[in-house]
Protein backbone atom coordinates (compact mmCIF):
# COMPACT_ATOMS: atom_id res chain seq x y z
CA MET A 1 140.26 40.77 75.91
CA SER A 2 137.01 42.42 73.84
CA LYS A 3 138.31 43.89 70.38
CA LEU A 4 136.13 46.92 68.69
CA PRO A 5 134.93 46.07 65.53
CA GLU A 6 137.40 47.69 62.87
CA VAL A 7 134.75 49.78 61.54
CA VAL A 8 134.34 51.22 65.20
CA GLN A 9 138.24 51.31 65.53
CA ASN A 10 138.86 53.19 62.40
CA ARG A 11 135.97 55.41 63.28
CA ILE A 12 137.19 56.61 66.33
CA ALA A 13 140.85 57.32 65.18
CA ASN A 14 139.64 59.23 62.10
CA GLU A 15 137.31 61.23 64.82
CA LEU A 16 140.33 62.16 66.60
CA TYR A 17 142.45 63.03 63.77
CA GLU A 18 140.10 64.83 62.40
CA ALA A 19 139.20 67.28 65.69
CA ALA A 20 143.35 67.29 65.61
CA ALA A 21 143.12 68.88 62.31
CA LYS A 22 140.96 71.92 63.35
CA SER A 23 142.68 72.62 66.33
CA LYS A 24 144.26 76.26 65.49
CA GLU A 25 146.95 78.02 67.18
CA LYS A 26 147.51 81.63 68.28
CA ASP A 27 148.25 83.78 65.09
CA ARG A 28 151.91 84.89 65.43
CA PHE A 29 152.47 87.81 62.77
CA TYR A 30 156.06 87.66 62.82
CA LEU A 31 158.97 85.67 61.50
CA GLY A 32 160.06 83.21 64.02
CA MET A 33 163.88 82.58 64.63
CA SER A 34 163.22 78.68 64.82
CA GLN A 35 162.43 78.71 61.50
CA ILE A 36 165.27 81.38 60.01
CA GLY A 37 167.69 78.71 59.33
CA HIS A 38 165.44 76.69 56.69
CA ASP A 39 166.89 76.57 53.51
CA CYS A 40 163.98 78.17 51.77
CA PRO A 41 164.11 82.32 52.20
CA ARG A 42 160.56 82.27 49.72
CA LYS A 43 158.71 79.48 51.97
CA LEU A 44 160.28 81.97 54.76
CA TRP A 45 158.50 85.07 53.12
CA TYR A 46 155.08 83.37 52.75
CA ASP A 47 154.70 81.96 56.11
CA PHE A 48 155.72 85.73 57.70
CA ARG A 49 152.69 87.60 55.41
CA LYS A 50 150.63 85.16 56.83
CA TYR A 51 149.56 83.47 53.06
CA THR A 52 147.42 80.25 54.23
CA PRO A 53 149.22 77.07 54.35
CA VAL A 54 148.18 73.68 52.87
CA PRO A 55 146.29 72.05 56.04
CA ILE A 56 148.27 69.74 58.21
CA ASP A 57 147.17 66.58 58.66
CA GLY A 58 145.47 65.83 62.12
CA ARG A 59 148.26 63.01 63.15
CA ILE A 60 151.00 65.35 62.33
CA LYS A 61 149.47 68.01 64.51
CA MET A 62 149.26 65.24 67.24
CA LEU A 63 152.87 64.74 66.89
CA PHE A 64 154.09 68.18 66.93
CA ARG A 65 151.97 68.13 70.59
CA PHE A 66 154.06 65.40 72.11
CA GLY A 67 157.36 67.27 71.06
CA ASP A 68 155.87 70.18 73.51
CA ARG A 69 154.84 67.38 75.86
CA ILE A 70 158.43 66.07 75.99
CA GLU A 71 159.89 69.91 76.15
CA GLU A 72 157.81 70.02 79.24
CA GLU A 73 159.23 66.67 80.77
CA ILE A 74 163.09 67.60 80.02
CA ILE A 75 162.77 70.60 81.80
CA HIS A 76 161.02 68.94 85.24
CA HIS A 77 163.93 66.19 85.28
CA LEU A 78 166.59 68.83 84.42
CA LYS A 79 165.28 70.81 87.52
CA LEU A 80 164.81 67.33 89.30
CA ALA A 81 168.36 66.63 88.80
CA GLY A 82 169.28 69.74 90.20
CA TYR A 83 169.97 72.21 87.41
CA ARG A 84 168.30 75.51 87.31
CA VAL A 85 166.23 76.12 84.71
CA GLU A 86 164.49 79.81 84.54
CA ASP A 87 162.81 82.39 82.15
CA SER A 88 160.99 79.35 80.37
CA GLN A 89 159.91 80.88 77.29
CA GLN A 90 161.59 83.96 77.42
CA THR A 91 161.12 86.04 73.98
CA PHE A 92 164.15 87.74 71.92
CA SER A 93 162.57 90.14 69.30
CA ALA A 94 164.77 91.93 66.72
CA HIS A 95 163.63 94.36 63.58
CA ASN A 96 160.79 96.05 65.07
CA GLY A 97 159.43 93.02 66.57
CA PHE A 98 158.73 91.20 63.16
CA PHE A 99 162.04 88.86 64.16
CA LYS A 100 160.95 87.02 67.53
CA GLY A 101 162.07 83.59 69.41
CA HIS A 102 160.99 82.02 72.10
CA CYS A 103 163.71 80.12 73.92
CA ASP A 104 163.00 77.11 76.40
CA GLY A 105 164.61 78.67 79.11
CA ILE A 106 167.96 79.80 80.83
CA ILE A 107 169.92 76.99 82.37
CA HIS A 108 172.28 77.26 84.93
CA GLY A 109 175.39 74.38 86.71
CA VAL A 110 176.56 72.75 83.24
CA THR A 111 179.43 74.77 83.58
CA PHE A 112 180.42 78.32 85.53
CA ARG A 113 178.38 79.80 82.58
CA PRO A 114 174.61 80.07 82.11
CA HIS A 115 173.31 78.58 78.58
CA ILE A 116 170.38 78.91 76.08
CA LEU A 117 168.13 75.61 76.87
CA GLU A 118 166.95 73.81 73.79
CA CYS A 119 165.05 70.75 74.49
CA LYS A 120 164.16 68.47 71.48
CA SER A 121 162.75 65.23 70.57
CA ALA A 122 163.72 62.35 67.33
CA ASN A 123 162.84 58.84 66.62
CA THR A 124 165.55 56.27 66.77
CA LYS A 125 166.75 56.92 63.48
CA LYS A 126 167.19 60.96 63.87
CA PHE A 127 168.40 60.15 67.16
CA ALA A 128 170.95 58.48 66.20
CA LYS A 129 172.06 60.60 63.60
CA PHE A 130 172.61 63.71 66.26
CA LYS A 131 175.01 61.53 68.12
CA THR A 132 176.33 60.43 65.10
CA TYR A 133 177.08 64.05 63.36
CA GLY A 134 175.57 66.77 65.60
CA VAL A 135 173.14 69.09 65.96
CA ARG A 136 174.34 71.39 63.39
CA LYS A 137 174.70 68.72 60.40
CA VAL A 138 171.71 66.88 60.82
CA TYR A 139 168.62 69.71 61.71
CA PRO A 140 170.99 73.36 60.71
CA ILE A 141 167.76 74.84 61.65
CA TYR A 142 168.20 74.07 65.32
CA TYR A 143 171.80 75.35 65.32
CA CYS A 144 170.63 78.76 63.72
CA GLN A 145 167.95 79.02 66.42
CA CYS A 146 169.95 78.59 68.79
CA GLN A 147 172.44 81.02 67.13
CA CYS A 148 169.93 83.51 67.64
CA TYR A 149 168.84 83.33 71.20
CA MET A 150 172.36 83.95 71.91
CA GLY A 151 172.90 86.69 69.82
CA TYR A 152 170.09 88.75 70.77
CA SER A 153 170.47 87.84 74.75
CA GLY A 154 173.92 87.95 74.86
CA LEU A 155 175.10 84.48 76.13
CA GLU A 156 178.01 82.72 74.50
CA ARG A 157 176.74 78.68 75.06
CA ALA A 158 173.57 76.72 74.35
CA LEU A 159 172.93 73.91 75.61
CA VAL A 160 170.61 71.61 73.41
CA VAL A 161 169.09 68.22 75.07
CA VAL A 162 167.38 65.74 72.64
CA GLN A 163 165.19 63.11 73.70
CA CYS A 164 164.53 59.57 71.71
CA LYS A 165 160.84 59.71 71.19
CA ASP A 166 161.26 55.81 71.15
CA THR A 167 163.45 54.97 73.97
CA SER A 168 163.72 57.83 75.94
CA GLU A 169 167.59 58.09 75.42
CA ILE A 170 169.08 61.45 76.62
CA TYR A 171 171.42 63.48 73.58
CA THR A 172 172.81 66.86 74.64
CA GLU A 173 175.23 68.98 72.78
CA ARG A 174 177.14 72.28 73.92
CA ILE A 175 176.73 75.22 71.13
CA HIS A 176 179.15 78.28 71.00
CA PHE A 177 177.98 81.46 69.78
CA ASN A 178 179.01 82.35 66.30
CA PRO A 179 179.09 86.44 65.97
CA PHE A 180 179.52 85.45 61.71
CA ASP A 181 176.65 82.82 61.63
CA PHE A 182 174.64 85.07 63.92
CA GLN A 183 175.16 88.59 61.60
CA SER A 184 173.94 86.58 58.73
CA LEU A 185 171.13 85.76 59.84
CA HIS A 186 170.26 88.66 61.39
CA GLN A 187 170.76 90.09 57.84
CA ARG A 188 168.64 87.33 56.58
CA ALA A 189 165.77 88.41 58.05
CA TYR A 190 165.85 91.71 57.64
CA ASP A 191 166.18 90.77 53.98
CA ILE A 192 162.68 88.32 54.48
CA ILE A 193 160.77 90.39 56.43
CA THR A 194 161.34 93.93 54.23
CA ALA A 195 161.02 92.35 50.71
CA ASN A 196 158.27 93.53 48.72
CA GLY A 197 157.76 90.20 46.57
CA PRO A 198 158.52 86.78 47.62
CA PRO A 199 162.08 85.94 47.17
CA GLU A 200 163.14 83.70 44.02
CA ARG A 201 162.12 80.37 44.15
CA ILE A 202 164.96 77.76 44.66
CA PRO A 203 165.54 74.44 42.67
CA ASP A 204 163.37 71.91 43.42
CA GLY A 205 164.11 69.17 45.70
CA MET A 206 162.28 66.70 48.19
CA THR A 207 161.34 69.16 50.84
CA CYS A 208 159.21 71.04 48.18
CA ASN A 209 156.95 68.36 48.06
CA TYR A 210 155.87 68.52 51.52
CA CYS A 211 156.08 72.17 51.99
CA ASP A 212 153.06 73.59 53.22
CA GLN A 213 153.60 76.76 51.10
CA ARG A 214 153.92 74.78 48.04
CA ILE A 215 150.65 76.12 46.06
CA ASN A 216 151.39 79.69 46.74
CA CYS A 217 154.64 79.43 45.77
CA LYS A 218 154.06 77.39 42.78
CA PHE A 219 150.60 78.46 41.65
CA PRO A 220 149.97 81.42 43.66
CA GLU A 221 146.70 82.22 41.35
CA GLU A 222 145.25 78.89 42.74
CA GLY A 223 146.29 79.71 46.10
CA ILE A 224 143.51 80.46 48.38
CA VAL A 225 143.50 82.97 51.33
CA THR A 226 141.46 82.13 54.21
CA GLU A 227 142.26 85.40 56.73
CA GLN A 228 142.80 88.83 55.70
CA PHE A 229 145.88 90.01 56.94
CA CYS A 230 147.94 93.07 55.98
CA GLY A 231 150.46 90.76 54.82
CA THR A 232 148.60 89.55 51.93
CA CYS A 233 147.08 92.18 50.82
CA TYR A 234 147.65 94.16 47.48
CA TYR A 235 147.88 97.88 49.25
CA MET A 236 150.52 96.61 51.81
CA GLY A 237 154.20 97.38 51.49
CA PHE A 238 157.41 97.77 53.35
CA LYS A 239 159.75 100.71 53.98
CA GLY A 240 162.53 99.66 55.23
CA LEU A 241 161.64 98.28 58.91
CA SER A 242 158.13 100.21 58.31
CA SER A 243 155.02 98.33 56.84
CA VAL A 244 152.85 101.11 55.25
CA CYS A 245 149.23 101.12 53.53
CA ARG A 246 149.16 102.04 50.11
CA HIS A 247 145.82 102.91 49.37
CA PRO A 248 145.33 106.17 47.87
CA ASP A 249 142.42 107.25 50.04
CA HIS A 250 144.28 106.26 52.99
CA PRO A 251 148.04 105.68 53.18
CA TYR A 252 149.56 105.42 56.65
CA LYS A 253 152.09 103.73 58.60
CA ILE A 254 151.01 100.23 59.99
CA LEU A 255 150.61 100.59 63.59
CA THR A 256 149.24 97.09 64.38
CA TRP A 257 150.28 94.70 61.86
CA GLY A 258 147.70 91.73 60.83
CA ILE A 259 144.69 93.67 61.58
CA LYS A 260 141.54 92.71 59.10
CA CYS A 261 140.70 95.82 57.06
CA ASP A 262 137.39 96.43 55.04
CA ASP A 263 139.63 97.78 51.85
CA TRP A 264 141.60 94.29 52.22
CA LEU A 265 142.35 93.21 48.17
CA SER A 266 144.25 89.85 47.91
CA ASP A 267 147.48 90.63 46.74
CA THR A 268 147.49 87.13 44.42
CA LYS A 269 145.10 88.83 41.85
CA LYS A 270 146.14 90.14 38.70
CA GLU A 271 146.49 94.25 39.05
CA PRO A 272 143.18 95.71 37.93
CA VAL A 273 143.79 98.72 36.04
CA ASN A 274 141.43 100.68 37.49
CA ILE A 275 143.28 100.23 40.85
CA LEU A 276 145.72 101.69 42.13
CA ARG A 277 148.19 101.91 44.99
CA LEU A 278 150.51 104.77 45.89
CA PRO A 279 154.11 104.15 45.47
CA LEU A 280 156.15 103.47 48.40
CA GLU A 281 158.51 106.23 47.95
CA GLU A 282 155.05 108.93 47.98
CA ILE A 283 154.19 107.89 51.44
CA LYS A 284 155.91 109.50 54.80
CA CYS A 285 156.89 106.90 57.64
């Protein structure tokens, strides 16, 4: 075996991490059902409005891609085992398209009823917790995600398949539809989408230190907006589920959310005395 010099090994690894860090996913201009169960509505509001997050390390992005590959492998082996999996990445939408989700599929053959299918991965430590305590206790975001998919699809069962990334061991759990939880999540999404300012900050916890919206949350004057979207514009506001431009020269209902505009003005700036925006009640949708 001929080992590379350590400096070369480090250079190659760092180049791969940098390449992964530069990779960009397709922008999504909606609140995701996969995140609605997050404990901080303030983070969800910043994400929905497209405030620029703290950059994610390239190595972490690689881990996310591994998770996507495991999903593909689980579905592949479910089909080999004789289950019928259909409608992969079926889209569910609510609140005028501002709230969306994409399930991994609908699986037939678990029982006589079809189930929403969600495929997840976990390291050994987290996998052991799933086996001991179940999905809702260990990762409530997954539970809420399944409730949304069931509620908007009309199905009453969801199958969560978790594969251990270290051993390939499989854990499965069935989640039943809970109409009260679903209605609560439906309302939570509405409240976040239509809020014309960030929700109150929750008390600092461990997750705050790792939150990718921590700069915008705690130090909005230091936040950097790298792309100009409607959600970060001073003139944009929500009137119910209608997004409107409050620019005094061209007030109108925004039909296509996310288009860059020459009149965009950062919402993080302090309101200049010589700049006006129309009150929401004066704009007819």
